[in-house]
């Protein structure tokens, strides 16, 4: 059987050294039928000169469009049957692509495959979810679950292969035809594009396709200190994108989920502002929620 052509897409901005490290690891794969596409979201460092040293397809955006848009641009020019997305500060194991390609053969209906991300995605006690603990505790140790109105679990460090609800776009592969069918990543997820990955996966799920987690396909995530948002900005974008994602998923025909949605956000704001946490970032929490609500209307 002929190997499928894979297109590895790396969105990047101002992380030349991390990007080079990522490219070198991809070049060392045991699976050989692939191309590398780097989408440079208007870097101001020496990214272009680094790229020139490697045989990759390179696109440089004229303005900063954000991660989701960069990923969509890469997907549009990809030659492969399967689009493989990886963050520029990740280092894949040399068997990474081989295990991704094999996982698509597990079921004909599998449209998305994702792998293990070392040092990312461990499930921890989340006080924001405290009122829902009896309701969601069963799921919290599970990998990639989308619960109720849009509560998500991660646990992408698990060693258990399984079908899941969503996969992190730091280590994600999607059949190109399915990616095109759902319209790609929603570019309305802003900033760090948090929640864009469960969003596209939920839309793929809605079409009846399966999503598979393969822990043998490993990426080591070494978060870069470069081009990072401030803690306040991260909180703002996370809360804004969370609100946007959850409103997209709200089903008005299920009033119980609507009630849970309001309870969650009231509790979330209350504990940060006047309650248990009294976080100094509470204003970013509120501004983010308002922004996500506005963008959803």
C-alpha atoms as a PDB file:
ATOM      1  CA  UNK A   1       0.000   0.000   0.000  1.00  0.00           C
ATOM      2  CA  UNK A   2       1.342   3.404  -0.966  1.00  0.00           C
ATOM      3  CA  UNK A   3       2.238   5.778   1.852  1.00  0.00           C
ATOM      4  CA  UNK A   4       0.038   8.816   2.244  1.00  0.00           C
ATOM      5  CA  UNK A   5       1.560  12.218   1.641  1.00  0.00           C
ATOM      6  CA  UNK A   6       1.656  14.291   4.843  1.00  0.00           C
ATOM      7  CA  UNK A   7       1.911  18.076   4.972  1.00  0.00           C
ATOM      8  CA  UNK A   8       3.475  19.299   8.216  1.00  0.00           C
ATOM      9  CA  UNK A   9       2.348  22.864   8.921  1.00  0.00           C
ATOM     10  CA  UNK A  10       4.215  25.059  11.420  1.00  0.00           C
ATOM     11  CA  UNK A  11       2.776  28.496  12.252  1.00  0.00           C
ATOM     12  CA  UNK A  12       5.485  30.710  13.737  1.00  0.00           C
ATOM     13  CA  UNK A  13       6.251  34.224  14.891  1.00  0.00           C
ATOM     14  CA  UNK A  14       9.544  35.542  16.317  1.00  0.00           C
ATOM     15  CA  UNK A  15      10.908  32.161  17.449  1.00  0.00           C
ATOM     16  CA  UNK A  16      13.702  31.503  14.963  1.00  0.00           C
ATOM     17  CA  UNK A  17      15.785  29.259  17.236  1.00  0.00           C
ATOM     18  CA  UNK A  18      12.810  27.203  18.422  1.00  0.00           C
ATOM     19  CA  UNK A  19      11.577  26.894  14.846  1.00  0.00           C
ATOM     20  CA  UNK A  20      14.952  25.612  13.670  1.00  0.00           C
ATOM     21  CA  UNK A  21      14.991  23.026  16.457  1.00  0.00           C
ATOM     22  CA  UNK A  22      11.500  21.904  15.425  1.00  0.00           C
ATOM     23  CA  UNK A  23      12.408  21.637  11.720  1.00  0.00           C
ATOM     24  CA  UNK A  24      15.540  19.605  12.463  1.00  0.00           C
ATOM     25  CA  UNK A  25      13.478  17.089  14.450  1.00  0.00           C
ATOM     26  CA  UNK A  26      10.918  16.785  11.669  1.00  0.00           C
ATOM     27  CA  UNK A  27      13.668  16.234   9.086  1.00  0.00           C
ATOM     28  CA  UNK A  28      14.823  13.255  11.183  1.00  0.00           C
ATOM     29  CA  UNK A  29      11.537  11.328  10.871  1.00  0.00           C
ATOM     30  CA  UNK A  30      11.428   7.618  10.022  1.00  0.00           C
ATOM     31  CA  UNK A  31       8.394   8.355   7.821  1.00  0.00           C
ATOM     32  CA  UNK A  32       9.750   9.996   4.683  1.00  0.00           C
ATOM     33  CA  UNK A  33       6.811  11.023   2.502  1.00  0.00           C
ATOM     34  CA  UNK A  34       6.081  14.513   3.780  1.00  0.00           C
ATOM     35  CA  UNK A  35       6.562  18.199   3.141  1.00  0.00           C
ATOM     36  CA  UNK A  36       7.151  20.995   5.632  1.00  0.00           C
ATOM     37  CA  UNK A  37       5.219  24.252   5.336  1.00  0.00           C
ATOM     38  CA  UNK A  38       6.251  27.172   7.542  1.00  0.00           C
ATOM     39  CA  UNK A  39       3.795  30.056   7.810  1.00  0.00           C
ATOM     40  CA  UNK A  40       5.602  33.070   9.234  1.00  0.00           C
ATOM     41  CA  UNK A  41       3.068  35.392  10.861  1.00  0.00           C
ATOM     42  CA  UNK A  42       5.157  38.516  10.164  1.00  0.00           C
ATOM     43  CA  UNK A  43       8.180  37.766  12.335  1.00  0.00           C
ATOM     44  CA  UNK A  44      10.572  40.628  13.046  1.00  0.00           C
ATOM     45  CA  UNK A  45      13.530  38.419  14.033  1.00  0.00           C
ATOM     46  CA  UNK A  46      15.861  36.378  11.803  1.00  0.00           C
ATOM     47  CA  UNK A  47      13.277  33.711  10.938  1.00  0.00           C
ATOM     48  CA  UNK A  48      13.671  34.231   7.139  1.00  0.00           C
ATOM     49  CA  UNK A  49      17.423  33.656   7.262  1.00  0.00           C
ATOM     50  CA  UNK A  50      16.964  30.503   9.343  1.00  0.00           C
ATOM     51  CA  UNK A  51      14.351  29.176   6.907  1.00  0.00           C
ATOM     52  CA  UNK A  52      16.656  29.693   3.940  1.00  0.00           C
ATOM     53  CA  UNK A  53      18.955  26.997   5.313  1.00  0.00           C
ATOM     54  CA  UNK A  54      16.295  24.295   4.979  1.00  0.00           C
ATOM     55  CA  UNK A  55      14.256  22.801   2.174  1.00  0.00           C
ATOM     56  CA  UNK A  56      10.780  23.843   3.286  1.00  0.00           C
ATOM     57  CA  UNK A  57       7.865  25.702   1.751  1.00  0.00           C
ATOM     58  CA  UNK A  58       7.782  29.160   3.261  1.00  0.00           C
ATOM     59  CA  UNK A  59       4.993  31.726   3.425  1.00  0.00           C
ATOM     60  CA  UNK A  60       5.464  35.093   5.091  1.00  0.00           C
ATOM     61  CA  UNK A  61       2.311  36.996   6.034  1.00  0.00           C
ATOM     62  CA  UNK A  62       2.335  40.720   5.311  1.00  0.00           C
ATOM     63  CA  UNK A  63       0.609  41.341   8.646  1.00  0.00           C
ATOM     64  CA  UNK A  64       0.073  39.469  11.895  1.00  0.00           C
ATOM     65  CA  UNK A  65      -3.082  37.391  11.332  1.00  0.00           C
ATOM     66  CA  UNK A  66      -2.950  35.000  14.296  1.00  0.00           C
ATOM     67  CA  UNK A  67      -2.310  31.284  14.647  1.00  0.00           C
ATOM     68  CA  UNK A  68      -5.618  29.991  13.261  1.00  0.00           C
ATOM     69  CA  UNK A  69      -5.313  32.078  10.101  1.00  0.00           C
ATOM     70  CA  UNK A  70      -1.688  30.994   9.676  1.00  0.00           C
ATOM     71  CA  UNK A  71      -2.709  27.339   9.949  1.00  0.00           C
ATOM     72  CA  UNK A  72      -5.484  27.831   7.384  1.00  0.00           C
ATOM     73  CA  UNK A  73      -3.042  29.485   4.967  1.00  0.00           C
ATOM     74  CA  UNK A  74      -0.671  26.544   5.267  1.00  0.00           C
ATOM     75  CA  UNK A  75      -3.512  24.073   4.742  1.00  0.00           C
ATOM     76  CA  UNK A  76      -4.635  25.856   1.592  1.00  0.00           C
ATOM     77  CA  UNK A  77      -1.339  25.253  -0.249  1.00  0.00           C
ATOM     78  CA  UNK A  78      -0.652  21.796   1.211  1.00  0.00           C
ATOM     79  CA  UNK A  79      -0.072  18.964  -1.250  1.00  0.00           C
ATOM     80  CA  UNK A  80      -0.654  16.175   1.266  1.00  0.00           C
ATOM     81  CA  UNK A  81      -3.754  14.061   1.911  1.00  0.00           C
ATOM     82  CA  UNK A  82      -3.237  14.670   5.627  1.00  0.00           C
ATOM     83  CA  UNK A  83      -2.491  17.991   7.324  1.00  0.00           C
ATOM     84  CA  UNK A  84      -0.229  17.713  10.360  1.00  0.00           C
ATOM     85  CA  UNK A  85      -0.110  20.702  12.704  1.00  0.00           C
ATOM     86  CA  UNK A  86       2.656  21.291  15.221  1.00  0.00           C
ATOM     87  CA  UNK A  87       3.686  24.294  17.343  1.00  0.00           C
ATOM     88  CA  UNK A  88       7.052  25.898  16.667  1.00  0.00           C
ATOM     89  CA  UNK A  89       8.223  25.234  20.243  1.00  0.00           C
ATOM     90  CA  UNK A  90       7.582  21.484  20.049  1.00  0.00           C
ATOM     91  CA  UNK A  91      10.109  18.730  19.311  1.00  0.00           C
ATOM     92  CA  UNK A  92       8.632  15.564  17.776  1.00  0.00           C
ATOM     93  CA  UNK A  93       9.997  12.076  18.378  1.00  0.00           C
ATOM     94  CA  UNK A  94      11.534  10.525  15.252  1.00  0.00           C
ATOM     95  CA  UNK A  95       8.618   8.040  14.994  1.00  0.00           C
ATOM     96  CA  UNK A  96       6.044  10.841  15.302  1.00  0.00           C
ATOM     97  CA  UNK A  97       4.780  10.867  11.690  1.00  0.00           C
ATOM     98  CA  UNK A  98       4.992   7.100  11.342  1.00  0.00           C
ATOM     99  CA  UNK A  99       2.564   6.563  14.226  1.00  0.00           C
ATOM    100  CA  UNK A 100       0.249   9.299  12.949  1.00  0.00           C
ATOM    101  CA  UNK A 101       0.037   7.673   9.507  1.00  0.00           C
ATOM    102  CA  UNK A 102      -0.640   4.224  11.000  1.00  0.00           C
ATOM    103  CA  UNK A 103      -3.370   5.551  13.321  1.00  0.00           C
ATOM    104  CA  UNK A 104      -5.486   6.685  10.370  1.00  0.00           C
ATOM    105  CA  UNK A 105      -5.771   3.013   9.332  1.00  0.00           C
ATOM    106  CA  UNK A 106      -7.449   2.003  12.619  1.00  0.00           C
ATOM    107  CA  UNK A 107     -10.855   3.103  11.347  1.00  0.00           C
ATOM    108  CA  UNK A 108     -11.965   4.304   7.923  1.00  0.00           C
ATOM    109  CA  UNK A 109     -14.045   6.926   9.692  1.00  0.00           C
ATOM    110  CA  UNK A 110     -11.066   8.437  11.553  1.00  0.00           C
ATOM    111  CA  UNK A 111     -10.567  12.009  10.370  1.00  0.00           C
ATOM    112  CA  UNK A 112      -8.295  13.359  13.119  1.00  0.00           C
ATOM    113  CA  UNK A 113      -5.300  11.846  14.903  1.00  0.00           C
ATOM    114  CA  UNK A 114      -3.358  13.434  17.724  1.00  0.00           C
ATOM    115  CA  UNK A 115      -0.546  12.362  19.954  1.00  0.00           C
ATOM    116  CA  UNK A 116       1.032  12.662  23.339  1.00  0.00           C
ATOM    117  CA  UNK A 117       2.375  16.045  24.407  1.00  0.00           C
ATOM    118  CA  UNK A 118       5.013  15.691  27.093  1.00  0.00           C
ATOM    119  CA  UNK A 119       4.791  18.262  29.926  1.00  0.00           C
ATOM    120  CA  UNK A 120       1.443  19.538  28.726  1.00  0.00           C
ATOM    121  CA  UNK A 121      -2.152  18.712  29.528  1.00  0.00           C
ATOM    122  CA  UNK A 122      -2.019  17.145  32.981  1.00  0.00           C
ATOM    123  CA  UNK A 123      -5.403  17.296  34.653  1.00  0.00           C
ATOM    124  CA  UNK A 124      -5.313  19.267  37.899  1.00  0.00           C
ATOM    125  CA  UNK A 125      -7.926  20.311  40.424  1.00  0.00           C
ATOM    126  CA  UNK A 126      -9.644  23.351  38.923  1.00  0.00           C
ATOM    127  CA  UNK A 127     -11.488  25.478  41.453  1.00  0.00           C
ATOM    128  CA  UNK A 128     -13.400  27.165  38.630  1.00  0.00           C
ATOM    129  CA  UNK A 129     -15.218  23.855  38.076  1.00  0.00           C
ATOM    130  CA  UNK A 130     -15.983  23.205  41.756  1.00  0.00           C
ATOM    131  CA  UNK A 131     -19.807  23.529  41.502  1.00  0.00           C
ATOM    132  CA  UNK A 132     -19.787  20.914  38.732  1.00  0.00           C
ATOM    133  CA  UNK A 133     -17.465  18.457  40.438  1.00  0.00           C
ATOM    134  CA  UNK A 134     -20.062  15.685  41.016  1.00  0.00           C
ATOM    135  CA  UNK A 135     -21.197  16.146  37.430  1.00  0.00           C
ATOM    136  CA  UNK A 136     -17.802  16.063  35.620  1.00  0.00           C
ATOM    137  CA  UNK A 137     -15.440  14.266  38.044  1.00  0.00           C
ATOM    138  CA  UNK A 138     -15.928  10.983  36.181  1.00  0.00           C
ATOM    139  CA  UNK A 139     -14.496  12.560  33.029  1.00  0.00           C
ATOM    140  CA  UNK A 140     -11.621  14.634  34.405  1.00  0.00           C
ATOM    141  CA  UNK A 141      -8.948  11.976  34.063  1.00  0.00           C
ATOM    142  CA  UNK A 142     -10.071  11.178  30.527  1.00  0.00           C
ATOM    143  CA  UNK A 143      -8.220  12.535  27.521  1.00  0.00           C
ATOM    144  CA  UNK A 144      -9.752  15.183  25.278  1.00  0.00           C
ATOM    145  CA  UNK A 145     -13.361  15.312  26.478  1.00  0.00           C
ATOM    146  CA  UNK A 146     -15.877  18.052  25.668  1.00  0.00           C
ATOM    147  CA  UNK A 147     -18.582  18.011  28.321  1.00  0.00           C
ATOM    148  CA  UNK A 148     -21.984  19.677  28.383  1.00  0.00           C
ATOM    149  CA  UNK A 149     -21.872  23.291  27.130  1.00  0.00           C
ATOM    150  CA  UNK A 150     -18.119  23.227  26.456  1.00  0.00           C
ATOM    151  CA  UNK A 151     -16.126  22.232  29.540  1.00  0.00           C
ATOM    152  CA  UNK A 152     -12.976  20.534  28.263  1.00  0.00           C
ATOM    153  CA  UNK A 153     -10.483  18.077  29.708  1.00  0.00           C
ATOM    154  CA  UNK A 154      -6.920  17.726  28.417  1.00  0.00           C
ATOM    155  CA  UNK A 155      -4.737  14.920  29.842  1.00  0.00           C
ATOM    156  CA  UNK A 156      -2.681  14.704  26.636  1.00  0.00           C
ATOM    157  CA  UNK A 157       0.095  13.054  28.591  1.00  0.00           C
ATOM    158  CA  UNK A 158      -1.913   9.838  28.834  1.00  0.00           C
ATOM    159  CA  UNK A 159      -0.455   6.527  27.637  1.00  0.00           C
ATOM    160  CA  UNK A 160      -3.873   5.083  26.727  1.00  0.00           C
ATOM    161  CA  UNK A 161      -4.786   5.040  22.998  1.00  0.00           C
ATOM    162  CA  UNK A 162      -8.452   5.897  22.558  1.00  0.00           C
ATOM    163  CA  UNK A 163     -11.109   7.719  20.587  1.00  0.00           C
ATOM    164  CA  UNK A 164     -11.630  11.215  22.008  1.00  0.00           C
ATOM    165  CA  UNK A 165     -13.678  14.384  21.474  1.00  0.00           C
ATOM    166  CA  UNK A 166     -10.781  16.689  20.669  1.00  0.00           C
ATOM    167  CA  UNK A 167      -7.028  16.894  20.156  1.00  0.00           C
ATOM    168  CA  UNK A 168      -4.540  19.705  20.814  1.00  0.00           C
ATOM    169  CA  UNK A 169      -3.422  21.482  17.640  1.00  0.00           C
ATOM    170  CA  UNK A 170       0.144  21.346  18.990  1.00  0.00           C
ATOM    171  CA  UNK A 171       0.174  17.712  17.829  1.00  0.00           C
ATOM    172  CA  UNK A 172      -2.768  17.203  15.477  1.00  0.00           C
ATOM    173  CA  UNK A 173      -3.338  15.630  12.062  1.00  0.00           C
ATOM    174  CA  UNK A 174      -6.507  16.051   9.987  1.00  0.00           C
ATOM    175  CA  UNK A 175      -7.563  14.594   6.644  1.00  0.00           C
ATOM    176  CA  UNK A 176      -7.425  17.502   4.219  1.00  0.00           C
ATOM    177  CA  UNK A 177     -10.820  16.780   2.684  1.00  0.00           C
ATOM    178  CA  UNK A 178     -12.456  16.897   6.123  1.00  0.00           C
ATOM    179  CA  UNK A 179     -10.530  20.031   7.118  1.00  0.00           C
ATOM    180  CA  UNK A 180     -11.845  21.726   3.970  1.00  0.00           C
ATOM    181  CA  UNK A 181     -15.376  20.431   4.552  1.00  0.00           C
ATOM    182  CA  UNK A 182     -15.623  22.078   7.997  1.00  0.00           C
ATOM    183  CA  UNK A 183     -13.989  25.320   6.826  1.00  0.00           C
ATOM    184  CA  UNK A 184     -10.711  24.925   8.700  1.00  0.00           C
ATOM    185  CA  UNK A 185      -9.879  26.652  11.981  1.00  0.00           C
ATOM    186  CA  UNK A 186     -12.203  29.434  13.062  1.00  0.00           C
ATOM    187  CA  UNK A 187     -10.069  32.582  12.704  1.00  0.00           C
ATOM    188  CA  UNK A 188     -12.286  34.387  15.228  1.00  0.00           C
ATOM    189  CA  UNK A 189     -10.349  32.750  18.071  1.00  0.00           C
ATOM    190  CA  UNK A 190      -8.035  35.575  19.020  1.00  0.00           C
ATOM    191  CA  UNK A 191      -4.647  36.051  20.686  1.00  0.00           C
ATOM    192  CA  UNK A 192      -3.229  32.634  21.559  1.00  0.00           C
ATOM    193  CA  UNK A 193      -6.136  30.955  19.699  1.00  0.00           C
ATOM    194  CA  UNK A 194      -7.081  28.983  22.822  1.00  0.00           C
ATOM    195  CA  UNK A 195     -10.124  26.735  22.252  1.00  0.00           C
ATOM    196  CA  UNK A 196      -9.713  26.767  18.448  1.00  0.00           C
ATOM    197  CA  UNK A 197      -8.704  23.086  18.612  1.00  0.00           C
ATOM    198  CA  UNK A 198     -11.722  21.728  20.542  1.00  0.00           C
ATOM    199  CA  UNK A 199     -13.849  23.928  18.280  1.00  0.00           C
ATOM    200  CA  UNK A 200     -12.690  22.395  14.996  1.00  0.00           C
ATOM    201  CA  UNK A 201     -12.827  18.920  16.518  1.00  0.00           C
ATOM    202  CA  UNK A 202     -16.395  19.446  17.727  1.00  0.00           C
ATOM    203  CA  UNK A 203     -17.422  20.492  14.199  1.00  0.00           C
ATOM    204  CA  UNK A 204     -15.730  17.392  12.784  1.00  0.00           C
ATOM    205  CA  UNK A 205     -17.490  15.255  15.411  1.00  0.00           C
ATOM    206  CA  UNK A 206     -20.815  16.764  14.385  1.00  0.00           C
ATOM    207  CA  UNK A 207     -20.291  15.354  10.883  1.00  0.00           C
ATOM    208  CA  UNK A 208     -19.897  11.862  12.342  1.00  0.00           C
ATOM    209  CA  UNK A 209     -16.135  11.452  11.993  1.00  0.00           C
ATOM    210  CA  UNK A 210     -13.895   9.916  14.660  1.00  0.00           C
ATOM    211  CA  UNK A 211     -10.923  11.461  16.474  1.00  0.00           C
ATOM    212  CA  UNK A 212      -8.152   9.189  17.697  1.00  0.00           C
ATOM    213  CA  UNK A 213      -5.507   9.781  20.358  1.00  0.00           C
ATOM    214  CA  UNK A 214      -2.269   7.874  19.705  1.00  0.00           C
ATOM    215  CA  UNK A 215       0.182   8.278  22.615  1.00  0.00           C
ATOM    216  CA  UNK A 216       3.027   6.693  20.615  1.00  0.00           C
ATOM    217  CA  UNK A 217       3.087   9.819  18.457  1.00  0.00           C
ATOM    218  CA  UNK A 218       5.053  12.018  20.845  1.00  0.00           C
ATOM    219  CA  UNK A 219       5.965  15.691  20.897  1.00  0.00           C
ATOM    220  CA  UNK A 220       7.974  17.322  23.655  1.00  0.00           C
ATOM    221  CA  UNK A 221       6.691  20.799  24.374  1.00  0.00           C
ATOM    222  CA  UNK A 222       9.365  23.222  25.528  1.00  0.00           C
ATOM    223  CA  UNK A 223       7.472  26.501  25.987  1.00  0.00           C
ATOM    224  CA  UNK A 224       9.431  29.423  24.615  1.00  0.00           C
ATOM    225  CA  UNK A 225       9.755  32.647  26.579  1.00  0.00           C
ATOM    226  CA  UNK A 226       9.765  34.539  23.291  1.00  0.00           C
ATOM    227  CA  UNK A 227       6.663  36.166  21.836  1.00  0.00           C
ATOM    228  CA  UNK A 228       4.591  35.284  24.911  1.00  0.00           C
ATOM    229  CA  UNK A 229       1.653  37.339  26.060  1.00  0.00           C
ATOM    230  CA  UNK A 230       1.648  38.868  29.530  1.00  0.00           C
ATOM    231  CA  UNK A 231      -0.258  36.908  32.224  1.00  0.00           C
ATOM    232  CA  UNK A 232      -3.074  39.449  31.981  1.00  0.00           C
ATOM    233  CA  UNK A 233      -3.276  39.127  28.201  1.00  0.00           C
ATOM    234  CA  UNK A 234      -3.260  35.344  28.410  1.00  0.00           C
ATOM    235  CA  UNK A 235      -6.135  35.450  30.894  1.00  0.00           C
ATOM    236  CA  UNK A 236      -8.060  37.852  28.655  1.00  0.00           C
ATOM    237  CA  UNK A 237      -7.648  35.723  25.514  1.00  0.00           C
ATOM    238  CA  UNK A 238      -8.385  32.464  27.342  1.00  0.00           C
ATOM    239  CA  UNK A 239     -11.606  33.785  28.850  1.00  0.00           C
ATOM    240  CA  UNK A 240     -12.701  35.513  25.646  1.00  0.00           C
ATOM    241  CA  UNK A 241     -12.113  32.414  23.534  1.00  0.00           C
ATOM    242  CA  UNK A 242     -13.700  30.153  26.148  1.00  0.00           C
ATOM    243  CA  UNK A 243     -16.853  32.270  26.127  1.00  0.00           C
ATOM    244  CA  UNK A 244     -16.898  32.366  22.327  1.00  0.00           C
ATOM    245  CA  UNK A 245     -16.463  28.590  22.074  1.00  0.00           C
ATOM    246  CA  UNK A 246     -19.101  27.782  24.676  1.00  0.00           C
ATOM    247  CA  UNK A 247     -21.704  30.085  23.155  1.00  0.00           C
ATOM    248  CA  UNK A 248     -21.111  28.448  19.771  1.00  0.00           C
ATOM    249  CA  UNK A 249     -21.910  25.110  21.410  1.00  0.00           C
ATOM    250  CA  UNK A 250     -24.933  26.207  23.429  1.00  0.00           C
ATOM    251  CA  UNK A 251     -28.081  24.309  22.513  1.00  0.00           C
ATOM    252  CA  UNK A 252     -31.149  26.352  23.464  1.00  0.00           C
ATOM    253  CA  UNK A 253     -33.235  23.186  23.254  1.00  0.00           C
ATOM    254  CA  UNK A 254     -31.353  21.919  26.323  1.00  0.00           C
ATOM    255  CA  UNK A 255     -32.238  24.424  29.072  1.00  0.00           C
ATOM    256  CA  UNK A 256     -30.259  22.501  31.725  1.00  0.00           C
ATOM    257  CA  UNK A 257     -27.023  23.146  29.799  1.00  0.00           C
ATOM    258  CA  UNK A 258     -27.956  26.813  29.527  1.00  0.00           C
ATOM    259  CA  UNK A 259     -28.413  26.996  33.306  1.00  0.00           C
ATOM    260  CA  UNK A 260     -25.041  25.308  33.859  1.00  0.00           C
ATOM    261  CA  UNK A 261     -23.428  27.799  31.486  1.00  0.00           C
ATOM    262  CA  UNK A 262     -24.661  30.778  33.508  1.00  0.00           C
ATOM    263  CA  UNK A 263     -23.797  29.146  36.844  1.00  0.00           C
ATOM    264  CA  UNK A 264     -20.260  28.431  35.638  1.00  0.00           C
ATOM    265  CA  UNK A 265     -19.524  31.974  34.481  1.00  0.00           C
ATOM    266  CA  UNK A 266     -21.114  33.635  37.526  1.00  0.00           C
ATOM    267  CA  UNK A 267     -19.094  31.360  39.842  1.00  0.00           C
ATOM    268  CA  UNK A 268     -15.921  31.842  37.804  1.00  0.00           C
ATOM    269  CA  UNK A 269     -16.147  35.623  38.061  1.00  0.00           C
ATOM    270  CA  UNK A 270     -17.251  35.656  41.704  1.00  0.00           C
ATOM    271  CA  UNK A 271     -14.404  33.541  43.121  1.00  0.00           C
ATOM    272  CA  UNK A 272     -11.805  35.632  41.292  1.00  0.00           C
ATOM    273  CA  UNK A 273     -13.256  39.009  42.215  1.00  0.00           C
ATOM    274  CA  UNK A 274     -14.618  38.702  45.753  1.00  0.00           C
ATOM    275  CA  UNK A 275     -14.216  35.035  46.614  1.00  0.00           C
ATOM    276  CA  UNK A 276     -11.575  32.392  47.168  1.00  0.00           C
ATOM    277  CA  UNK A 277      -8.951  33.506  44.688  1.00  0.00           C
ATOM    278  CA  UNK A 278      -9.308  37.305  44.689  1.00  0.00           C
ATOM    279  CA  UNK A 279      -7.051  37.271  41.671  1.00  0.00           C
ATOM    280  CA  UNK A 280      -5.248  40.408  40.517  1.00  0.00           C
ATOM    281  CA  UNK A 281      -6.206  39.334  37.020  1.00  0.00           C
ATOM    282  CA  UNK A 282      -9.950  39.415  37.719  1.00  0.00           C
ATOM    283  CA  UNK A 283     -10.413  42.496  35.529  1.00  0.00           C
ATOM    284  CA  UNK A 284      -8.922  40.582  32.580  1.00  0.00           C
ATOM    285  CA  UNK A 285     -11.310  37.746  33.400  1.00  0.00           C
ATOM    286  CA  UNK A 286     -14.312  40.085  33.159  1.00  0.00           C
ATOM    287  CA  UNK A 287     -13.072  41.918  30.072  1.00  0.00           C
ATOM    288  CA  UNK A 288     -12.406  38.601  28.355  1.00  0.00           C
ATOM    289  CA  UNK A 289     -15.889  37.278  29.066  1.00  0.00           C
ATOM    290  CA  UNK A 290     -17.473  40.501  27.773  1.00  0.00           C
ATOM    291  CA  UNK A 291     -15.314  40.416  24.654  1.00  0.00           C
ATOM    292  CA  UNK A 292     -16.216  36.774  23.935  1.00  0.00           C
ATOM    293  CA  UNK A 293     -19.889  37.567  24.425  1.00  0.00           C
ATOM    294  CA  UNK A 294     -19.705  40.511  22.034  1.00  0.00           C
ATOM    295  CA  UNK A 295     -17.960  38.470  19.380  1.00  0.00           C
ATOM    296  CA  UNK A 296     -20.649  35.796  19.655  1.00  0.00           C
ATOM    297  CA  UNK A 297     -23.568  38.144  19.086  1.00  0.00           C
END
